[in-house]
Amino acid sequence: MKNFEYAPQGVCSKAMFFGIDDNKIHGLRVVGGCNGNLQGIGKLVEGMDIDDAISRLEGIRCGSRPTSCPDQLSKALKEAKEQL
């Protein structure tokens, strides 16, 4: 498993940590942000294919912000995919 760290931009969360093994997401942990929602997202993406998660999360907005924690996770996953 390869581990990744991502610093989200434009949202309340400060850091995202996750692993990728065989193109699947594992152990998402987010520092900051809406704790309950982010724990839920972590459970939902556990074992999910990177491409499926990106397509489901990309473009989600938080209120009037142009991004959200799920959208930032999609960006983190895209960056991670480039490093695999």
Protein backbone atom coordinates (compact mmCIF):
# COMPACT_ATOMS: atom_id res chain seq x y z
CA MET A 1 0.00 0.00 0.00
CA LYS A 2 1.22 3.48 -0.85
CA ASN A 3 0.27 6.28 1.58
CA PHE A 4 -0.59 9.84 0.63
CA GLU A 5 -1.08 13.20 2.32
CA TYR A 6 -2.97 16.12 0.75
CA ALA A 7 -3.45 19.72 1.93
CA PRO A 8 -6.96 20.79 0.87
CA GLN A 9 -7.54 24.33 -0.39
CA GLY A 10 -10.60 26.54 0.17
CA VAL A 11 -12.29 24.30 2.77
CA CYS A 12 -12.31 23.87 6.55
CA SER A 13 -10.30 20.64 6.56
CA LYS A 14 -6.52 21.01 6.87
CA ALA A 15 -5.12 17.64 5.82
CA MET A 16 -6.20 14.38 4.22
CA PHE A 17 -4.38 11.07 4.70
CA PHE A 18 -5.17 7.86 2.83
CA GLY A 19 -3.64 4.78 1.32
CA ILE A 20 -4.02 3.27 -2.13
CA ASP A 21 -3.62 -0.44 -2.78
CA ASP A 22 -4.55 -2.09 -6.09
CA ASN A 23 -6.29 1.16 -7.19
CA LYS A 24 -8.53 1.05 -4.07
CA ILE A 25 -8.78 3.71 -1.33
CA HIS A 26 -8.04 2.72 2.27
CA GLY A 27 -7.96 4.44 5.66
CA LEU A 28 -9.11 7.96 4.75
CA ARG A 29 -8.51 10.30 7.68
CA VAL A 30 -9.27 14.02 7.50
CA VAL A 31 -8.02 16.63 9.99
CA GLY A 32 -10.39 19.56 10.50
CA GLY A 33 -13.70 20.09 8.76
CA CYS A 34 -17.07 18.58 9.68
CA ASN A 35 -15.94 15.52 11.59
CA GLY A 36 -19.09 13.42 11.29
CA ASN A 37 -19.53 14.07 7.57
CA LEU A 38 -15.89 13.34 6.84
CA GLN A 39 -15.98 10.11 8.84
CA GLY A 40 -18.99 9.12 6.76
CA ILE A 41 -17.19 9.92 3.52
CA GLY A 42 -14.25 7.84 4.76
CA LYS A 43 -16.52 4.83 5.35
CA LEU A 44 -18.19 5.26 1.96
CA VAL A 45 -14.96 5.42 -0.04
CA GLU A 46 -13.21 2.60 1.87
CA GLY A 47 -12.23 -0.02 -0.72
CA MET A 48 -13.68 2.06 -3.57
CA ASP A 49 -11.88 2.27 -6.89
CA ILE A 50 -10.07 5.61 -7.28
CA ASP A 51 -11.76 6.43 -10.59
CA ASP A 52 -15.24 5.71 -9.20
CA ALA A 53 -14.61 7.97 -6.19
CA ILE A 54 -13.27 10.78 -8.38
CA SER A 55 -16.29 10.66 -10.69
CA ARG A 56 -18.71 10.70 -7.74
CA LEU A 57 -17.00 13.44 -5.70
CA GLU A 58 -15.60 15.83 -8.30
CA GLY A 59 -17.41 19.17 -8.56
CA ILE A 60 -19.37 18.98 -5.29
CA ARG A 61 -19.65 22.45 -3.75
CA CYS A 62 -20.05 23.52 -0.12
CA GLY A 63 -22.54 26.39 0.07
CA SER A 64 -21.25 29.33 -1.96
CA ARG A 65 -17.69 27.96 -2.03
CA PRO A 66 -16.46 26.72 -5.41
CA THR A 67 -15.22 23.49 -3.78
CA SER A 68 -15.91 21.15 -0.85
CA CYS A 69 -14.11 18.47 1.14
CA PRO A 70 -15.43 15.76 -1.22
CA ASP A 71 -14.26 17.80 -4.22
CA GLN A 72 -10.87 18.29 -2.57
CA LEU A 73 -10.67 14.53 -1.98
CA SER A 74 -11.22 14.01 -5.71
CA LYS A 75 -8.28 16.35 -6.37
CA ALA A 76 -6.16 14.45 -3.83
CA LEU A 77 -7.03 11.16 -5.53
CA LYS A 78 -6.11 12.55 -8.95
CA GLU A 79 -2.71 13.62 -7.62
CA ALA A 80 -2.19 10.25 -5.95
CA LYS A 81 -3.12 8.42 -9.14
CA GLU A 82 -0.37 10.31 -11.01
CA GLN A 83 2.17 9.02 -8.46
CA LEU A 84 1.18 5.36 -8.66
